[in-house]
Amino acid sequence: MIKDIHLHLSHYIFLLSILIMGLVSYAFFAPFPDRQFGVVILTSILYIIWGIAHHHLEGSLHAKVMVEYTLIALLSIMILRGVIYR
């Protein structure tokens, strides 16, 4: 795993940047639930795109991988929607 992280360090830094920007934007828009939800949607879409691009470049892109990233993103959206609009 350490070797994989070292080989694709720029990929993981980019993913971390997406997630940190999503978290910062989510906190920034705390008084505006609709904008917070927009941030969640955008971050999820970028996460899916990152996953597809990463696995494409790695040579391991399959439908199963695409479904996995999409389901994780949808689960995150559903959970955070419940948190935002409680």
N, C-alpha and C. Protein backbone atom coordinates (compact mmCIF):
# COMPACT_ATOMS: atom_id res chain seq x y z
N MET A 1 0.82 -1.19 0.00
CA MET A 1 0.00 0.00 0.00
C MET A 1 0.87 1.26 0.00
N ILE A 2 1.93 1.26 0.77
CA ILE A 2 2.83 2.42 0.82
C ILE A 2 3.44 2.67 -0.56
N LYS A 3 3.80 1.60 -1.26
CA LYS A 3 4.36 1.73 -2.60
C LYS A 3 3.34 2.34 -3.55
N ASP A 4 2.08 1.91 -3.43
CA ASP A 4 0.99 2.44 -4.27
C ASP A 4 0.80 3.93 -4.01
N ILE A 5 0.82 4.34 -2.75
CA ILE A 5 0.67 5.76 -2.41
C ILE A 5 1.83 6.56 -2.99
N HIS A 6 3.03 6.02 -2.89
CA HIS A 6 4.21 6.72 -3.41
C HIS A 6 4.12 6.87 -4.94
N LEU A 7 3.67 5.83 -5.63
CA LEU A 7 3.58 5.87 -7.09
C LEU A 7 2.52 6.87 -7.57
N HIS A 8 1.47 7.02 -6.82
CA HIS A 8 0.35 7.86 -7.23
C HIS A 8 0.14 9.03 -6.27
N LEU A 9 1.22 9.53 -5.72
CA LEU A 9 1.11 10.58 -4.71
C LEU A 9 0.36 11.80 -5.23
N SER A 10 0.61 12.19 -6.47
CA SER A 10 -0.08 13.37 -7.02
C SER A 10 -1.58 13.11 -7.12
N HIS A 11 -1.98 11.87 -7.42
CA HIS A 11 -3.41 11.54 -7.49
C HIS A 11 -4.06 11.71 -6.13
N TYR A 12 -3.39 11.20 -5.09
CA TYR A 12 -3.96 11.26 -3.75
C TYR A 12 -3.94 12.69 -3.19
N ILE A 13 -2.95 13.47 -3.55
CA ILE A 13 -2.92 14.87 -3.14
C ILE A 13 -4.09 15.62 -3.78
N PHE A 14 -4.37 15.31 -5.05
CA PHE A 14 -5.49 15.94 -5.73
C PHE A 14 -6.81 15.54 -5.07
N LEU A 15 -6.97 14.25 -4.73
CA LEU A 15 -8.18 13.80 -4.03
C LEU A 15 -8.31 14.49 -2.68
N LEU A 16 -7.23 14.57 -1.95
CA LEU A 16 -7.26 15.25 -0.65
C LEU A 16 -7.63 16.71 -0.81
N SER A 17 -7.15 17.35 -1.86
CA SER A 17 -7.50 18.75 -2.13
C SER A 17 -8.99 18.89 -2.40
N ILE A 18 -9.56 17.98 -3.18
CA ILE A 18 -11.00 18.01 -3.46
C ILE A 18 -11.79 17.89 -2.15
N LEU A 19 -11.41 16.93 -1.32
CA LEU A 19 -12.14 16.69 -0.08
C LEU A 19 -11.98 17.83 0.92
N ILE A 20 -10.80 18.39 1.01
CA ILE A 20 -10.57 19.52 1.93
C ILE A 20 -11.35 20.74 1.46
N MET A 21 -11.32 21.02 0.16
CA MET A 21 -12.08 22.17 -0.35
C MET A 21 -13.58 21.95 -0.13
N GLY A 22 -14.05 20.73 -0.28
CA GLY A 22 -15.45 20.42 0.00
C GLY A 22 -15.78 20.66 1.46
N LEU A 23 -14.91 20.23 2.36
CA LEU A 23 -15.14 20.42 3.80
C LEU A 23 -15.12 21.90 4.18
N VAL A 24 -14.16 22.63 3.65
CA VAL A 24 -14.05 24.07 3.95
C VAL A 24 -15.28 24.81 3.41
N SER A 25 -15.69 24.47 2.19
CA SER A 25 -16.87 25.11 1.60
C SER A 25 -18.14 24.75 2.37
N TYR A 26 -18.24 23.50 2.80
CA TYR A 26 -19.38 23.05 3.59
C TYR A 26 -19.49 23.87 4.88
N ALA A 27 -18.36 24.07 5.55
CA ALA A 27 -18.35 24.87 6.79
C ALA A 27 -18.65 26.34 6.50
N PHE A 28 -18.10 26.86 5.42
CA PHE A 28 -18.30 28.26 5.06
C PHE A 28 -19.78 28.57 4.82
N PHE A 29 -20.48 27.63 4.18
CA PHE A 29 -21.89 27.84 3.85
C PHE A 29 -22.83 27.31 4.92
N ALA A 30 -22.36 27.19 6.15
CA ALA A 30 -23.19 26.67 7.24
C ALA A 30 -24.52 27.40 7.39
N PRO A 31 -24.59 28.72 7.22
CA PRO A 31 -25.89 29.39 7.37
C PRO A 31 -26.84 29.17 6.17
N PHE A 32 -26.35 28.54 5.11
CA PHE A 32 -27.13 28.37 3.89
C PHE A 32 -27.24 26.89 3.51
N PRO A 33 -28.27 26.21 4.01
CA PRO A 33 -28.38 24.76 3.78
C PRO A 33 -28.42 24.37 2.30
N ASP A 34 -29.07 25.15 1.46
CA ASP A 34 -29.13 24.80 0.04
C ASP A 34 -27.76 24.86 -0.61
N ARG A 35 -26.96 25.83 -0.22
CA ARG A 35 -25.60 25.93 -0.76
C ARG A 35 -24.72 24.81 -0.20
N GLN A 36 -24.93 24.47 1.06
CA GLN A 36 -24.19 23.35 1.63
C GLN A 36 -24.47 22.07 0.84
N PHE A 37 -25.73 21.86 0.54
CA PHE A 37 -26.09 20.65 -0.21
C PHE A 37 -25.48 20.69 -1.61
N GLY A 38 -25.42 21.87 -2.21
CA GLY A 38 -24.75 22.02 -3.50
C GLY A 38 -23.28 21.64 -3.43
N VAL A 39 -22.64 22.03 -2.34
CA VAL A 39 -21.23 21.67 -2.12
C VAL A 39 -21.09 20.15 -2.01
N VAL A 40 -22.01 19.53 -1.30
CA VAL A 40 -21.98 18.07 -1.16
C VAL A 40 -22.12 17.40 -2.53
N ILE A 41 -23.05 17.88 -3.34
CA ILE A 41 -23.26 17.32 -4.68
C ILE A 41 -22.00 17.50 -5.53
N LEU A 42 -21.46 18.72 -5.55
CA LEU A 42 -20.27 19.00 -6.36
C LEU A 42 -19.08 18.16 -5.90
N THR A 43 -18.86 18.07 -4.60
CA THR A 43 -17.75 17.28 -4.08
C THR A 43 -17.92 15.81 -4.45
N SER A 44 -19.14 15.32 -4.39
CA SER A 44 -19.41 13.92 -4.76
C SER A 44 -19.14 13.68 -6.24
N ILE A 45 -19.54 14.60 -7.08
CA ILE A 45 -19.29 14.47 -8.52
C ILE A 45 -17.78 14.48 -8.79
N LEU A 46 -17.07 15.38 -8.15
CA LEU A 46 -15.61 15.44 -8.34
C LEU A 46 -14.94 14.17 -7.82
N TYR A 47 -15.47 13.59 -6.75
CA TYR A 47 -14.95 12.34 -6.21
C TYR A 47 -15.12 11.20 -7.22
N ILE A 48 -16.29 11.13 -7.84
CA ILE A 48 -16.55 10.10 -8.86
C ILE A 48 -15.61 10.30 -10.05
N ILE A 49 -15.48 11.53 -10.51
CA ILE A 49 -14.59 11.82 -11.65
C ILE A 49 -13.15 11.47 -11.30
N TRP A 50 -12.73 11.82 -10.08
CA TRP A 50 -11.37 11.48 -9.66
C TRP A 50 -11.17 9.97 -9.67
N GLY A 51 -12.11 9.23 -9.13
CA GLY A 51 -11.99 7.78 -9.07
C GLY A 51 -11.89 7.16 -10.45
N ILE A 52 -12.72 7.62 -11.37
CA ILE A 52 -12.68 7.09 -12.73
C ILE A 52 -11.36 7.43 -13.40
N ALA A 53 -10.92 8.69 -13.27
CA ALA A 53 -9.65 9.10 -13.89
C ALA A 53 -8.48 8.34 -13.28
N HIS A 54 -8.47 8.20 -11.97
CA HIS A 54 -7.38 7.50 -11.29
C HIS A 54 -7.27 6.06 -11.78
N HIS A 55 -8.39 5.36 -11.81
CA HIS A 55 -8.35 3.96 -12.22
C HIS A 55 -8.09 3.81 -13.72
N HIS A 56 -8.53 4.79 -14.50
CA HIS A 56 -8.22 4.76 -15.93
C HIS A 56 -6.70 4.89 -16.14
N LEU A 57 -6.09 5.84 -15.46
CA LEU A 57 -4.64 6.03 -15.59
C LEU A 57 -3.86 4.84 -15.03
N GLU A 58 -4.43 4.20 -14.02
CA GLU A 58 -3.78 3.04 -13.41
C GLU A 58 -3.98 1.77 -14.24
N GLY A 59 -4.98 1.79 -15.14
CA GLY A 59 -5.26 0.63 -15.97
C GLY A 59 -6.17 -0.38 -15.32
N SER A 60 -6.88 0.05 -14.28
CA SER A 60 -7.76 -0.88 -13.55
C SER A 60 -9.21 -0.42 -13.55
N LEU A 61 -9.60 0.31 -14.57
CA LEU A 61 -10.97 0.83 -14.63
C LEU A 61 -11.91 -0.25 -15.17
N HIS A 62 -12.90 -0.58 -14.36
CA HIS A 62 -13.93 -1.55 -14.73
C HIS A 62 -15.28 -0.98 -14.28
N ALA A 63 -16.35 -1.52 -14.81
CA ALA A 63 -17.69 -1.07 -14.43
C ALA A 63 -17.90 -1.20 -12.92
N LYS A 64 -17.36 -2.27 -12.34
CA LYS A 64 -17.48 -2.49 -10.90
C LYS A 64 -16.88 -1.33 -10.09
N VAL A 65 -15.75 -0.83 -10.54
CA VAL A 65 -15.09 0.30 -9.87
C VAL A 65 -15.94 1.55 -9.99
N MET A 66 -16.48 1.79 -11.17
CA MET A 66 -17.32 2.98 -11.39
C MET A 66 -18.56 2.92 -10.50
N VAL A 67 -19.17 1.74 -10.40
CA VAL A 67 -20.35 1.58 -9.55
C VAL A 67 -19.98 1.81 -8.09
N GLU A 68 -18.84 1.31 -7.67
CA GLU A 68 -18.40 1.48 -6.28
C GLU A 68 -18.25 2.97 -5.93
N TYR A 69 -17.56 3.72 -6.75
CA TYR A 69 -17.37 5.14 -6.48
C TYR A 69 -18.72 5.88 -6.49
N THR A 70 -19.59 5.52 -7.41
CA THR A 70 -20.90 6.16 -7.50
C THR A 70 -21.74 5.85 -6.26
N LEU A 71 -21.73 4.60 -5.81
CA LEU A 71 -22.51 4.23 -4.63
C LEU A 71 -21.99 4.91 -3.36
N ILE A 72 -20.68 5.00 -3.23
CA ILE A 72 -20.10 5.69 -2.06
C ILE A 72 -20.51 7.16 -2.08
N ALA A 73 -20.47 7.79 -3.25
CA ALA A 73 -20.86 9.19 -3.37
C ALA A 73 -22.35 9.36 -3.06
N LEU A 74 -23.20 8.47 -3.57
CA LEU A 74 -24.63 8.57 -3.30
C LEU A 74 -24.94 8.36 -1.81
N LEU A 75 -24.25 7.43 -1.19
CA LEU A 75 -24.44 7.22 0.25
C LEU A 75 -24.05 8.47 1.03
N SER A 76 -22.94 9.08 0.65
CA SER A 76 -22.50 10.31 1.31
C SER A 76 -23.53 11.43 1.12
N ILE A 77 -24.07 11.53 -0.08
CA ILE A 77 -25.08 12.55 -0.36
C ILE A 77 -26.31 12.33 0.52
N MET A 78 -26.77 11.09 0.61
CA MET A 78 -27.97 10.81 1.41
C MET A 78 -27.74 11.09 2.89
N ILE A 79 -26.59 10.70 3.41
CA ILE A 79 -26.29 10.94 4.83
C ILE A 79 -26.19 12.44 5.11
N LEU A 80 -25.44 13.15 4.27
CA LEU A 80 -25.26 14.59 4.51
C LEU A 80 -26.53 15.38 4.25
N ARG A 81 -27.38 14.91 3.36
CA ARG A 81 -28.68 15.57 3.16
C ARG A 81 -29.49 15.49 4.45
N GLY A 82 -29.46 14.34 5.09
CA GLY A 82 -30.14 14.19 6.38
C GLY A 82 -29.57 15.10 7.46
N VAL A 83 -28.26 15.27 7.44
CA VAL A 83 -27.61 16.15 8.42
C VAL A 83 -27.97 17.61 8.16
N ILE A 84 -27.97 18.00 6.90
CA ILE A 84 -28.23 19.40 6.53
C ILE A 84 -29.68 19.79 6.78
N TYR A 85 -30.61 18.94 6.37
CA TYR A 85 -32.04 19.28 6.43
C TYR A 85 -32.77 18.58 7.56
N ARG A 86 -32.10 18.34 8.68
CA ARG A 86 -32.74 17.64 9.79
C ARG A 86 -33.88 18.35 10.30
